[in-house]
Protein backbone atom coordinates (compact mmCIF):
# COMPACT_ATOMS: atom_id res chain seq x y z
CA MET A 1 -2.75 -45.27 35.85
CA ALA A 2 -2.62 -48.64 34.17
CA ASN A 3 -2.79 -47.11 30.68
CA ALA A 4 -0.51 -44.16 31.39
CA GLN A 5 2.65 -46.05 30.41
CA ASP A 6 1.36 -46.33 26.85
CA THR A 7 1.18 -42.53 26.65
CA ILE A 8 4.32 -41.66 28.61
CA ASP A 9 5.68 -39.70 25.64
CA GLN A 10 2.39 -37.86 25.00
CA PRO A 11 0.90 -34.96 26.94
CA PHE A 12 -0.93 -35.97 30.10
CA ASP A 13 -1.76 -34.39 33.44
CA GLU A 14 1.23 -35.21 35.64
CA ARG A 15 -0.35 -33.46 38.63
CA MET A 16 -3.37 -35.76 38.37
CA LEU A 17 -1.11 -38.82 38.19
CA ARG A 18 0.87 -37.66 41.23
CA ASP A 19 -2.35 -36.91 43.13
CA SER A 20 -3.70 -40.36 42.22
CA ALA A 21 -0.49 -42.09 43.33
CA GLU A 22 -0.44 -40.18 46.61
CA HIS A 23 -4.12 -40.98 47.17
CA CYS A 24 -3.44 -44.68 46.57
CA GLU A 25 -0.59 -44.52 49.07
CA LYS A 26 -2.87 -42.95 51.71
CA LEU A 27 -5.40 -45.74 51.12
CA ALA A 28 -2.66 -48.38 51.55
CA GLN A 29 -2.97 -49.39 47.90
CA THR A 30 0.80 -49.55 47.77
CA PHE A 31 1.12 -51.49 44.51
CA TRP A 32 -0.94 -48.92 42.57
CA ALA A 33 0.85 -46.07 44.30
CA ALA A 34 4.18 -47.62 43.28
CA ARG A 35 2.99 -47.90 39.67
CA GLY A 36 2.04 -44.23 39.70
CA PHE A 37 5.41 -43.10 41.09
CA ARG A 38 7.24 -45.34 38.62
CA LEU A 39 5.29 -43.80 35.74
CA LEU A 40 6.09 -40.32 37.02
CA ALA A 41 9.76 -41.26 37.22
CA LEU A 42 9.73 -42.56 33.65
CA ARG A 43 8.15 -39.33 32.47
CA GLN A 44 10.65 -37.20 34.38
CA LEU A 45 13.51 -39.24 33.00
CA SER A 46 12.23 -38.77 29.45
CA GLU A 47 12.14 -35.02 30.07
CA GLY A 48 15.67 -34.95 31.51
CA ASP A 49 14.69 -34.33 35.14
CA ARG A 50 16.97 -37.04 36.52
CA ALA A 51 16.89 -35.85 40.14
CA SER A 52 13.09 -36.05 40.37
CA ALA A 53 13.08 -39.35 38.46
CA ARG A 54 15.61 -40.81 40.89
CA GLN A 55 13.52 -39.69 43.86
CA ASP A 56 10.30 -41.17 42.46
CA PHE A 57 11.98 -44.44 41.44
CA GLU A 58 13.29 -44.83 45.01
CA HIS A 59 9.83 -44.10 46.41
CA ALA A 60 8.34 -46.66 44.01
CA VAL A 61 10.86 -49.28 45.21
CA ASN A 62 9.74 -48.77 48.81
CA LEU A 63 6.07 -48.97 47.85
CA TYR A 64 6.58 -52.08 45.71
CA ASP A 65 8.36 -53.71 48.66
CA ALA A 66 5.49 -52.78 50.98
CA ALA A 67 3.09 -54.37 48.48
CA GLY A 68 5.15 -57.56 48.34
CA SER A 69 5.75 -57.21 44.60
CA MET A 70 8.18 -59.74 43.14
CA LEU A 71 9.23 -57.66 40.15
CA GLY A 72 8.32 -54.02 40.78
CA GLY A 73 11.08 -53.07 43.20
CA PRO A 74 13.88 -54.91 41.38
CA SER A 75 12.71 -53.48 38.06
CA ALA A 76 12.79 -49.92 39.44
CA LEU A 77 16.23 -50.63 40.93
CA GLU A 78 17.39 -51.71 37.47
CA LYS A 79 16.25 -48.34 36.10
CA LEU A 80 18.18 -46.57 38.87
CA ALA A 81 21.27 -48.66 38.12
CA ARG A 82 21.08 -47.80 34.43
CA MET A 83 20.82 -44.12 35.34
CA ASP A 84 23.86 -44.54 37.60
CA ILE A 85 25.84 -46.15 34.78
CA GLU A 86 24.99 -43.30 32.41
CA GLU A 87 26.26 -40.89 35.07
CA GLN A 88 29.35 -43.07 35.72
CA ARG A 89 28.26 -43.66 39.32
CA PHE A 90 29.40 -47.26 39.25
CA ASP A 91 29.38 -47.91 43.00
CA ASP A 92 25.78 -46.69 43.18
CA ALA A 93 24.87 -48.88 40.20
CA ARG A 94 26.38 -51.93 41.89
CA ALA A 95 24.48 -51.12 45.09
CA HIS A 96 21.16 -50.77 43.22
CA LEU A 97 21.73 -54.04 41.36
CA ASP A 98 22.71 -55.85 44.55
CA ARG A 99 19.54 -54.59 46.23
CA GLY A 100 17.47 -55.82 43.29
CA LEU A 101 19.13 -59.23 43.28
CA ALA A 102 18.62 -59.59 47.04
CA ARG A 103 14.90 -58.88 46.64
CA LEU A 104 14.57 -61.45 43.86
CA LYS A 105 16.16 -64.13 46.06
CA ALA A 106 13.11 -63.80 48.33
CA PHE A 107 11.07 -65.42 45.52
CA PRO A 108 12.82 -68.74 44.76
CA TYR A 109 9.66 -70.09 43.09
CA GLY A 110 8.86 -66.89 41.21
CA GLY A 111 9.09 -68.54 37.83
CA PHE A 112 10.35 -67.31 34.50
CA GLN A 113 9.79 -63.58 35.03
CA VAL A 114 11.78 -63.52 38.27
CA ARG A 115 14.60 -65.65 36.82
CA ASN A 116 14.66 -63.52 33.66
CA LEU A 117 14.97 -60.27 35.65
CA GLU A 118 17.55 -61.91 37.91
CA SER A 119 19.57 -62.88 34.84
CA ARG A 120 19.36 -59.32 33.47
CA LEU A 121 20.46 -57.77 36.76
CA SER A 122 23.29 -60.29 37.19
CA GLY A 123 24.51 -59.68 33.65
CA LEU A 124 24.48 -55.94 34.12
CA ARG A 125 26.21 -56.35 37.49
CA GLY A 126 28.93 -58.42 35.79
CA THR A 127 29.67 -55.64 33.32
CA LEU A 128 30.43 -53.34 36.25
CA GLU A 129 32.91 -55.60 38.01
CA ASN A 130 35.96 -53.42 37.38
CA LYS A 131 34.37 -50.13 36.35
CA GLY A 132 35.12 -47.19 38.58
CA ARG A 133 37.72 -49.10 40.55
CA GLU A 134 41.12 -47.67 39.91
CA ALA A 135 44.27 -49.73 40.25
CA PRO A 136 46.16 -48.78 43.40
CA ASP A 137 48.86 -46.20 42.86
CA LYS A 138 52.33 -47.70 43.37
CA GLU A 139 53.32 -44.86 45.70
CA ARG A 140 50.20 -45.20 47.84
CA SER A 141 50.55 -48.98 48.01
CA GLY A 142 54.18 -48.82 49.12
CA GLY A 143 55.54 -50.29 45.89
CA SER A 144 58.61 -48.93 44.20
CA GLU A 145 59.60 -48.51 40.62
CA GLN A 146 63.15 -49.66 41.25
CA GLY A 147 63.98 -53.08 39.88
């Protein structure tokens, strides 16, 4: 599994990767299981199967959390947020980024990699501040157009 990311755009046996990830999960090797599901999600995303990719990214987040990974879960949540943005699902993107940022706060001494990912997620979150939030309609808010 460790070398599969280098060949994500080349033919490989996805069934074997899924079987390996599921086997790791059964053996409580949650970090390696998470890596497998993340790789599957990346492959599915590259092939346009966004629904399956989303499902496997979410599963990877849960497995990374179970493994106590500092970066795995927040990194997968960043991928989900970027998918959400592409699909103009801005509330979902904000929720994914907020989840990632909350996880990173659990590692105050995580060093450069944690702070770097935190900065990336915060920056992306900032770009979404007003996206998808429509200004209230004057009629619905009780305002009038008379002056």
